[in-house]
PDB file of N, CA and C in Angstrom:
ATOM      1  N   MET A   1     -17.091  -6.276 -33.417  1.00  0.00           N
ATOM      2  CA  MET A   1     -16.383  -5.384 -32.528  1.00  0.00           C
ATOM      3  C   MET A   1     -16.988  -5.396 -31.130  1.00  0.00           C
ATOM      4  N   ALA A   2     -18.266  -5.666 -30.999  1.00  0.00           N
ATOM      5  CA  ALA A   2     -18.902  -5.662 -29.694  1.00  0.00           C
ATOM      6  C   ALA A   2     -18.440  -6.828 -28.839  1.00  0.00           C
ATOM      7  N   GLU A   3     -18.055  -7.946 -29.479  1.00  0.00           N
ATOM      8  CA  GLU A   3     -17.593  -9.098 -28.720  1.00  0.00           C
ATOM      9  C   GLU A   3     -16.123  -8.942 -28.361  1.00  0.00           C
ATOM     10  N   GLN A   4     -15.760  -9.446 -27.182  1.00  0.00           N
ATOM     11  CA  GLN A   4     -14.367  -9.402 -26.771  1.00  0.00           C
ATOM     12  C   GLN A   4     -13.745 -10.762 -27.018  1.00  0.00           C
ATOM     13  N   GLU A   5     -12.440 -10.759 -27.199  1.00  0.00           N
ATOM     14  CA  GLU A   5     -11.729 -12.015 -27.348  1.00  0.00           C
ATOM     15  C   GLU A   5     -11.777 -12.747 -26.017  1.00  0.00           C
ATOM     16  N   PRO A   6     -11.748 -14.094 -26.021  1.00  0.00           N
ATOM     17  CA  PRO A   6     -11.864 -14.842 -24.754  1.00  0.00           C
ATOM     18  C   PRO A   6     -10.793 -14.479 -23.734  1.00  0.00           C
ATOM     19  N   GLU A   7      -9.542 -14.285 -24.160  1.00  0.00           N
ATOM     20  CA  GLU A   7      -8.502 -13.982 -23.188  1.00  0.00           C
ATOM     21  C   GLU A   7      -8.630 -12.570 -22.625  1.00  0.00           C
ATOM     22  N   ARG A   8      -9.257 -11.678 -23.353  1.00  0.00           N
ATOM     23  CA  ARG A   8      -9.436 -10.314 -22.857  1.00  0.00           C
ATOM     24  C   ARG A   8     -10.697 -10.195 -22.020  1.00  0.00           C
ATOM     25  N   ALA A   9     -11.643 -11.105 -22.194  1.00  0.00           N
ATOM     26  CA  ALA A   9     -12.893 -11.047 -21.440  1.00  0.00           C
ATOM     27  C   ALA A   9     -12.618 -11.213 -19.948  1.00  0.00           C
ATOM     28  N   ALA A  10     -11.656 -12.041 -19.596  1.00  0.00           N
ATOM     29  CA  ALA A  10     -11.335 -12.247 -18.184  1.00  0.00           C
ATOM     30  C   ALA A  10     -10.713 -10.998 -17.576  1.00  0.00           C
ATOM     31  N   ASP A  11      -9.994 -10.216 -18.369  1.00  0.00           N
ATOM     32  CA  ASP A  11      -9.361  -8.996 -17.876  1.00  0.00           C
ATOM     33  C   ASP A  11     -10.366  -7.868 -17.695  1.00  0.00           C
ATOM     34  N   ALA A  12     -11.549  -8.018 -18.243  1.00  0.00           N
ATOM     35  CA  ALA A  12     -12.539  -6.943 -18.227  1.00  0.00           C
ATOM     36  C   ALA A  12     -13.397  -6.991 -16.971  1.00  0.00           C
ATOM     37  N   ALA A  13     -12.890  -7.502 -15.871  1.00  0.00           N
ATOM     38  CA  ALA A  13     -13.635  -7.546 -14.615  1.00  0.00           C
ATOM     39  C   ALA A  13     -13.909  -6.112 -14.157  1.00  0.00           C
ATOM     40  N   PRO A  14     -15.052  -5.888 -13.557  1.00  0.00           N
ATOM     41  CA  PRO A  14     -15.366  -4.523 -13.106  1.00  0.00           C
ATOM     42  C   PRO A  14     -14.397  -4.062 -12.038  1.00  0.00           C
ATOM     43  N   ARG A  15     -14.127  -2.764 -12.036  1.00  0.00           N
ATOM     44  CA  ARG A  15     -13.161  -2.219 -11.079  1.00  0.00           C
ATOM     45  C   ARG A  15     -13.665  -2.318  -9.658  1.00  0.00           C
ATOM     46  N   GLY A  16     -14.958  -2.307  -9.469  1.00  0.00           N
ATOM     47  CA  GLY A  16     -15.528  -2.345  -8.129  1.00  0.00           C
ATOM     48  C   GLY A  16     -15.721  -3.756  -7.609  1.00  0.00           C
ATOM     49  N   ALA A  17     -15.004  -4.730  -8.153  1.00  0.00           N
ATOM     50  CA  ALA A  17     -15.160  -6.117  -7.715  1.00  0.00           C
ATOM     51  C   ALA A  17     -14.833  -6.231  -6.227  1.00  0.00           C
ATOM     52  N   HIS A  18     -15.662  -6.947  -5.514  1.00  0.00           N
ATOM     53  CA  HIS A  18     -15.461  -7.100  -4.075  1.00  0.00           C
ATOM     54  C   HIS A  18     -14.426  -8.170  -3.805  1.00  0.00           C
ATOM     55  N   GLU A  19     -13.858  -8.133  -2.600  1.00  0.00           N
ATOM     56  CA  GLU A  19     -12.838  -9.109  -2.230  1.00  0.00           C
ATOM     57  C   GLU A  19     -13.402 -10.517  -2.232  1.00  0.00           C
ATOM     58  N   SER A  20     -14.696 -10.665  -1.928  1.00  0.00           N
ATOM     59  CA  SER A  20     -15.290 -11.996  -1.882  1.00  0.00           C
ATOM     60  C   SER A  20     -15.335 -12.623  -3.273  1.00  0.00           C
ATOM     61  N   ASP A  21     -15.265 -11.806  -4.324  1.00  0.00           N
ATOM     62  CA  ASP A  21     -15.259 -12.315  -5.683  1.00  0.00           C
ATOM     63  C   ASP A  21     -13.898 -12.897  -6.057  1.00  0.00           C
ATOM     64  N   LEU A  22     -12.852 -12.528  -5.320  1.00  0.00           N
ATOM     65  CA  LEU A  22     -11.510 -12.984  -5.654  1.00  0.00           C
ATOM     66  C   LEU A  22     -11.273 -14.389  -5.128  1.00  0.00           C
ATOM     67  N   ASP A  23     -10.379 -15.096  -5.775  1.00  0.00           N
ATOM     68  CA  ASP A  23      -9.989 -16.424  -5.336  1.00  0.00           C
ATOM     69  C   ASP A  23      -9.270 -16.298  -3.996  1.00  0.00           C
ATOM     70  N   PRO A  24      -9.597 -17.122  -3.001  1.00  0.00           N
ATOM     71  CA  PRO A  24      -8.955 -16.995  -1.675  1.00  0.00           C
ATOM     72  C   PRO A  24      -7.439 -17.160  -1.732  1.00  0.00           C
ATOM     73  N   ASP A  25      -6.957 -18.018  -2.641  1.00  0.00           N
ATOM     74  CA  ASP A  25      -5.508 -18.196  -2.755  1.00  0.00           C
ATOM     75  C   ASP A  25      -4.839 -16.912  -3.218  1.00  0.00           C
ATOM     76  N   THR A  26      -5.432 -16.243  -4.176  1.00  0.00           N
ATOM     77  CA  THR A  26      -4.828 -14.998  -4.654  1.00  0.00           C
ATOM     78  C   THR A  26      -4.937 -13.913  -3.595  1.00  0.00           C
ATOM     79  N   GLU A  27      -6.015 -13.937  -2.809  1.00  0.00           N
ATOM     80  CA  GLU A  27      -6.179 -12.957  -1.734  1.00  0.00           C
ATOM     81  C   GLU A  27      -5.105 -13.172  -0.672  1.00  0.00           C
ATOM     82  N   ALA A  28      -4.847 -14.419  -0.329  1.00  0.00           N
ATOM     83  CA  ALA A  28      -3.814 -14.723   0.656  1.00  0.00           C
ATOM     84  C   ALA A  28      -2.443 -14.319   0.126  1.00  0.00           C
ATOM     85  N   GLU A  29      -2.206 -14.560  -1.142  1.00  0.00           N
ATOM     86  CA  GLU A  29      -0.921 -14.176  -1.751  1.00  0.00           C
ATOM     87  C   GLU A  29      -0.768 -12.659  -1.762  1.00  0.00           C
ATOM     88  N   ARG A  30      -1.856 -11.960  -2.073  1.00  0.00           N
ATOM     89  CA  ARG A  30      -1.817 -10.492  -2.082  1.00  0.00           C
ATOM     90  C   ARG A  30      -1.511  -9.964  -0.687  1.00  0.00           C
ATOM     91  N   ARG A  31      -2.132 -10.544   0.325  1.00  0.00           N
ATOM     92  CA  ARG A  31      -1.875 -10.106   1.697  1.00  0.00           C
ATOM     93  C   ARG A  31      -0.436 -10.395   2.118  1.00  0.00           C
ATOM     94  N   ARG A  32       0.095 -11.547   1.699  1.00  0.00           N
ATOM     95  CA  ARG A  32       1.475 -11.888   2.028  1.00  0.00           C
ATOM     96  C   ARG A  32       2.441 -10.903   1.376  1.00  0.00           C
ATOM     97  N   ARG A  33       2.197 -10.583   0.099  1.00  0.00           N
ATOM     98  CA  ARG A  33       3.063  -9.620  -0.600  1.00  0.00           C
ATOM     99  C   ARG A  33       2.960  -8.240   0.036  1.00  0.00           C
ATOM    100  N   ARG A  34       1.760  -7.845   0.446  1.00  0.00           N
ATOM    101  CA  ARG A  34       1.562  -6.537   1.081  1.00  0.00           C
ATOM    102  C   ARG A  34       2.300  -6.469   2.419  1.00  0.00           C
ATOM    103  N   ALA A  35       2.208  -7.530   3.198  1.00  0.00           N
ATOM    104  CA  ALA A  35       2.902  -7.573   4.493  1.00  0.00           C
ATOM    105  C   ALA A  35       4.415  -7.493   4.289  1.00  0.00           C
ATOM    106  N   GLN A  36       4.910  -8.199   3.284  1.00  0.00           N
ATOM    107  CA  GLN A  36       6.343  -8.158   2.980  1.00  0.00           C
ATOM    108  C   GLN A  36       6.760  -6.745   2.575  1.00  0.00           C
ATOM    109  N   PHE A  37       5.957  -6.105   1.730  1.00  0.00           N
ATOM    110  CA  PHE A  37       6.261  -4.749   1.282  1.00  0.00           C
ATOM    111  C   PHE A  37       6.288  -3.770   2.454  1.00  0.00           C
ATOM    112  N   LEU A  38       5.272  -3.856   3.318  1.00  0.00           N
ATOM    113  CA  LEU A  38       5.212  -2.933   4.453  1.00  0.00           C
ATOM    114  C   LEU A  38       6.376  -3.154   5.414  1.00  0.00           C
ATOM    115  N   SER A  39       6.782  -4.408   5.568  1.00  0.00           N
ATOM    116  CA  SER A  39       7.932  -4.705   6.416  1.00  0.00           C
ATOM    117  C   SER A  39       9.204  -4.084   5.851  1.00  0.00           C
ATOM    118  N   GLU A  40       9.397  -4.242   4.541  1.00  0.00           N
ATOM    119  CA  GLU A  40      10.585  -3.667   3.903  1.00  0.00           C
ATOM    120  C   GLU A  40      10.546  -2.143   3.943  1.00  0.00           C
ATOM    121  N   LEU A  41       9.356  -1.565   3.804  1.00  0.00           N
ATOM    122  CA  LEU A  41       9.216  -0.112   3.857  1.00  0.00           C
ATOM    123  C   LEU A  41       9.589   0.417   5.239  1.00  0.00           C
ATOM    124  N   ALA A  42       9.118  -0.241   6.281  1.00  0.00           N
ATOM    125  CA  ALA A  42       9.456   0.174   7.646  1.00  0.00           C
ATOM    126  C   ALA A  42      10.959   0.044   7.896  1.00  0.00           C
ATOM    127  N   GLU A  43      11.541  -1.035   7.381  1.00  0.00           N
ATOM    128  CA  GLU A  43      12.983  -1.226   7.543  1.00  0.00           C
ATOM    129  C   GLU A  43      13.767  -0.125   6.830  1.00  0.00           C
ATOM    130  N   ALA A  44      13.319   0.250   5.644  1.00  0.00           N
ATOM    131  CA  ALA A  44      13.993   1.307   4.896  1.00  0.00           C
ATOM    132  C   ALA A  44      13.887   2.642   5.626  1.00  0.00           C
ATOM    133  N   ARG A  45      12.726   2.915   6.226  1.00  0.00           N
ATOM    134  CA  ARG A  45      12.559   4.162   6.981  1.00  0.00           C
ATOM    135  C   ARG A  45      13.475   4.193   8.198  1.00  0.00           C
ATOM    136  N   GLU A  46      13.579   3.060   8.889  1.00  0.00           N
ATOM    137  CA  GLU A  46      14.466   3.004  10.055  1.00  0.00           C
ATOM    138  C   GLU A  46      15.914   3.241   9.644  1.00  0.00           C
ATOM    139  N   LEU A  47      16.314   2.645   8.543  1.00  0.00           N
ATOM    140  CA  LEU A  47      17.677   2.830   8.049  1.00  0.00           C
ATOM    141  C   LEU A  47      17.923   4.294   7.699  1.00  0.00           C
ATOM    142  N   ARG A  48      16.963   4.924   7.022  1.00  0.00           N
ATOM    143  CA  ARG A  48      17.117   6.332   6.655  1.00  0.00           C
ATOM    144  C   ARG A  48      17.205   7.205   7.897  1.00  0.00           C
ATOM    145  N   ASP A  49      16.411   6.871   8.913  1.00  0.00           N
ATOM    146  CA  ASP A  49      16.442   7.649  10.154  1.00  0.00           C
ATOM    147  C   ASP A  49      17.790   7.533  10.851  1.00  0.00           C
ATOM    148  N   ARG A  50      18.411   6.358  10.773  1.00  0.00           N
ATOM    149  CA  ARG A  50      19.730   6.185  11.387  1.00  0.00           C
ATOM    150  C   ARG A  50      20.808   6.903  10.592  1.00  0.00           C
ATOM    151  N   VAL A  51      20.671   6.898   9.271  1.00  0.00           N
ATOM    152  CA  VAL A  51      21.691   7.502   8.410  1.00  0.00           C
ATOM    153  C   VAL A  51      21.578   9.025   8.413  1.00  0.00           C
ATOM    154  N   LYS A  52      20.346   9.527   8.465  1.00  0.00           N
ATOM    155  CA  LYS A  52      20.123  10.978   8.439  1.00  0.00           C
ATOM    156  C   LYS A  52      19.301  11.403   9.651  1.00  0.00           C
ATOM    157  N   PRO A  53      19.927  11.464  10.829  1.00  0.00           N
ATOM    158  CA  PRO A  53      19.164  11.782  12.034  1.00  0.00           C
ATOM    159  C   PRO A  53      18.550  13.178  12.018  1.00  0.00           C
ATOM    160  N   ARG A  54      19.212  14.136  11.377  1.00  0.00           N
ATOM    161  CA  ARG A  54      18.651  15.487  11.336  1.00  0.00           C
ATOM    162  C   ARG A  54      17.352  15.516  10.546  1.00  0.00           C
ATOM    163  N   ARG A  55      17.351  14.791   9.429  1.00  0.00           N
ATOM    164  CA  ARG A  55      16.139  14.719   8.613  1.00  0.00           C
ATOM    165  C   ARG A  55      15.015  14.026   9.383  1.00  0.00           C
ATOM    166  N   ALA A  56      15.360  12.980  10.119  1.00  0.00           N
ATOM    167  CA  ALA A  56      14.367  12.256  10.914  1.00  0.00           C
ATOM    168  C   ALA A  56      13.786  13.158  11.999  1.00  0.00           C
ATOM    169  N   ARG A  57      14.648  13.931  12.629  1.00  0.00           N
ATOM    170  CA  ARG A  57      14.175  14.839  13.687  1.00  0.00           C
ATOM    171  C   ARG A  57      13.247  15.894  13.100  1.00  0.00           C
ATOM    172  N   ALA A  58      13.615  16.437  11.952  1.00  0.00           N
ATOM    173  CA  ALA A  58      12.765  17.446  11.306  1.00  0.00           C
ATOM    174  C   ALA A  58      11.413  16.841  10.936  1.00  0.00           C
ATOM    175  N   ALA A  59      11.413  15.597  10.461  1.00  0.00           N
ATOM    176  CA  ALA A  59      10.161  14.936  10.102  1.00  0.00           C
ATOM    177  C   ALA A  59       9.290  14.716  11.338  1.00  0.00           C
ATOM    178  N   ARG A  60       9.915  14.344  12.465  1.00  0.00           N
ATOM    179  CA  ARG A  60       9.157  14.185  13.709  1.00  0.00           C
ATOM    180  C   ARG A  60       8.542  15.506  14.146  1.00  0.00           C
ATOM    181  N   MET A  61       9.303  16.584  14.027  1.00  0.00           N
ATOM    182  CA  MET A  61       8.786  17.912  14.406  1.00  0.00           C
ATOM    183  C   MET A  61       7.604  18.312  13.517  1.00  0.00           C
ATOM    184  N   ARG A  62       7.725  18.064  12.221  1.00  0.00           N
ATOM    185  CA  ARG A  62       6.608  18.389  11.316  1.00  0.00           C
ATOM    186  C   ARG A  62       5.368  17.571  11.674  1.00  0.00           C
ATOM    187  N   GLN A  63       5.560  16.301  11.978  1.00  0.00           N
ATOM    188  CA  GLN A  63       4.427  15.445  12.359  1.00  0.00           C
ATOM    189  C   GLN A  63       3.781  15.951  13.647  1.00  0.00           C
ATOM    190  N   GLN A  64       4.587  16.370  14.615  1.00  0.00           N
ATOM    191  CA  GLN A  64       4.040  16.903  15.859  1.00  0.00           C
ATOM    192  C   GLN A  64       3.225  18.164  15.598  1.00  0.00           C
ATOM    193  N   MET A  65       3.721  19.035  14.718  1.00  0.00           N
ATOM    194  CA  MET A  65       2.978  20.254  14.387  1.00  0.00           C
ATOM    195  C   MET A  65       1.657  19.905  13.700  1.00  0.00           C
ATOM    196  N   ARG A  66       1.692  18.917  12.814  1.00  0.00           N
ATOM    197  CA  ARG A  66       0.461  18.490  12.155  1.00  0.00           C
ATOM    198  C   ARG A  66      -0.548  17.997  13.175  1.00  0.00           C
ATOM    199  N   MET A  67      -0.085  17.220  14.144  1.00  0.00           N
ATOM    200  CA  MET A  67      -0.992  16.676  15.143  1.00  0.00           C
ATOM    201  C   MET A  67      -1.525  17.771  16.061  1.00  0.00           C
ATOM    202  N   ARG A  68      -0.714  18.770  16.366  1.00  0.00           N
ATOM    203  CA  ARG A  68      -1.178  19.857  17.227  1.00  0.00           C
ATOM    204  C   ARG A  68      -2.243  20.713  16.546  1.00  0.00           C
ATOM    205  N   THR A  69      -2.118  20.883  15.240  1.00  0.00           N
ATOM    206  CA  THR A  69      -3.054  21.770  14.540  1.00  0.00           C
ATOM    207  C   THR A  69      -4.237  21.024  13.968  1.00  0.00           C
ATOM    208  N   PHE A  70      -4.291  19.682  14.149  1.00  0.00           N
ATOM    209  CA  PHE A  70      -5.410  18.899  13.630  1.00  0.00           C
ATOM    210  C   PHE A  70      -6.641  19.114  14.502  1.00  0.00           C
ATOM    211  N   ARG A  71      -7.782  19.310  13.870  1.00  0.00           N
ATOM    212  CA  ARG A  71      -9.026  19.503  14.623  1.00  0.00           C
ATOM    213  C   ARG A  71      -9.810  18.219  14.636  1.00  0.00           C
ATOM    214  N   TRP A  72     -10.216  17.774  15.814  1.00  0.00           N
ATOM    215  CA  TRP A  72     -11.009  16.555  15.938  1.00  0.00           C
ATOM    216  C   TRP A  72     -12.405  16.888  15.697  1.00  0.00           C
TER     217      TRP A  72
END
């Protein structure tokens, strides 16, 4: 029971693994997927703002209030 199966041993990487431990190809792929996701997220927000301008305005007002009451 103390030994792990070979295919599961690879999955047992520590959670605190540093980026330098990762394969550069997988790191580049992860960054590409992240950039694509963030681009699509920004596009979706812009679309929502155009479709629901009142909601967008209210969100801007809330953000302004948050920034005014934030202490540096």
